[in-house]
Structures are given as C-alpha cells and as structure tokens.
Amino acid sequence: MSIAFHYLFCYTRFMKKDGKMLGVFGGMGPLASAMFMMEIALSTDSKTANDYLETIYRSKPLSPTQAILSSNPQDRQRVLEGMLEVIKNLEKDGADNIAIPCNTAMFWHADMQKQTKVPILNIVEETAKAVHDAKHKRTVILATESTVKTKLYHHALGKYGIECIAPDQDIQAKVTDTIHDIKRDGKSNKQGFQNLLNTVENRHDGHIILGCTELSWFRQSDMPIITRKGITDSSQALAKVAIEKSGYKYVALKKLGTVFPHKANSGEIIKATD
C-alpha cells in the first residue's frame, strides 16, 4: 500500500495533460480516502505514467457522523467550518472539480457549494444515478447512522422513482460496528460481512448500496462478495464521475486487490445464480 501511495502522490501532482485538475478532500476517514485515491489511479485509462489526471489532495480528519448525531448544533457548525477551510484551499490550489469521498459529508453539500465556484461532486447523487442507470428499482442502503437518519439516499433515489430501504435496527447496528472496525483497525471480518449481505438480501430482497466509503474495503479483500442483485459502491461511483469530469476515460475496476498482497480474484463482486 505504501508503494502504491508513493507512486500516486509523487506523480499525480505534476502530470497535467489536457484535462482538468481534480481536488480531493480526504480524511473522512483516512483509509476510505486512501482507497478512493487508488480507485482513481487504477480506473483511469492510461498507457504510460503521463496519462494520469492531475490531482491535489488535502486531508482534514473530521467527524461528520458524530456531529449529525450530536444534540449540540455547534458540533455541526464546527464540522462545516472545517470543511469550508479545505474547500477554499482547494479552490486556491486551482482545482477544477472537488471530490469528497464521504457520503455523510453530503449533508453539508449545499452549504459548501454556496461558498465556492468550483463544482463539488456529490457522491450520493452520483451513486443514485449509477443505480438508476443500472435499472434497479429497489435498493437497500448500508451506511452510517447519520447518512440513514438524514435520508440523503432516500431523497437522491426518490428523484428516479427508486425505492430506498433503510435496514432494520439489528442490521444497522452491525453495519455501524463494521464501519467502526475499519476506521479503527483498517480491517474487518470478511465472512461476517458476507453473512450480513446474505441477511440483508433475504430480509429485504433488493439491490445493495455501499453508502459508506469505508465499506469499499471489502472490494480489496481476498474474498469475493457474492450477491443476488448486485452492489453499487459509492466510492467507485464517485471515482467514475471524477475521472470523466477531469477529461479522462474511466475503466471499470472490479477489484482493488491488485495493489494488495491478496489473491488474484480479491474483492470481486459476483452475482449469485438463482
């Protein structure tokens, strides 16, 4: 992972071609942002080291989930102020578009966009569009409690007439624990997550959205993810639009495992046959 990052950060800042410069606001959380940067590098159609988009990366660890769940409105204001600091710096850096690989942060999307002329890509809206383009009519959202509570995906999917299902309380508790495991330890129980997906599909019978970028970790694990109706990964959806809006061609990446010492089929998402 360290080798991949050395390559990524040593080269992307200085390799502007004819495309636009992408500003990435990372840190919510750091591992999710790292995986997003790898997604960008590995999903850009490139033949040489000069074929990658130029990227400015700024990281500021914040806790949007805790701020939304807090009863103190000042907590939300502090998070917004921290976000605006990074957004304004990315604007000064010359970013043409800004990507924030954090779903919960989209609660403040309108407030952030008002303070800058640089378009801020909305990971929730882009994921909803990807679900629509895949012609799904019913989907279950696996995300932080805050993302579910604020109904970000309910509103985004509702524009396309797609039914958005919030998981039952027991499932949400397991999703929350999984996200915390990844944030804290950089890993989680892979078979446990597969069991969780099985429970979600058996109970709700719908397509699944990985609506928290920490959950993208399972796409680089050494165990394929098996589902009946497929998964849309929000981090992957954001990476696609970020690459395309930067003027480059996006190449669908089934797995992130190629940059980790895992098996060749790591992170692959497989649809189970009926």
Foldseek 3Di string as FASTA:
>chain_A
DVVLVCLLVVQQQPQADPFFEEEEEAPCPNVLSVVLSLLLVVFFDDDDSNRHHRYHYDYDHACLLVCLVDPDVVNNVVVVVVVLVSVVVVVVVRGQEYEYQFQSVCVCVVVNCVNDPRHYDHLLLLLLVVCVVVPFQEEEEQEAPNCVVVCSNVVNNVVSNHHYHYDDPVLNVVSNVQLVCCSVPVDDDLVVVLVSQVVCCVVPVGEYEHSGSSVLSQLQAQDEREAAHYYGYSSSSRSCVSQVNRPTHTHDDQGSNVVPPHDPCGNGYHHDDD
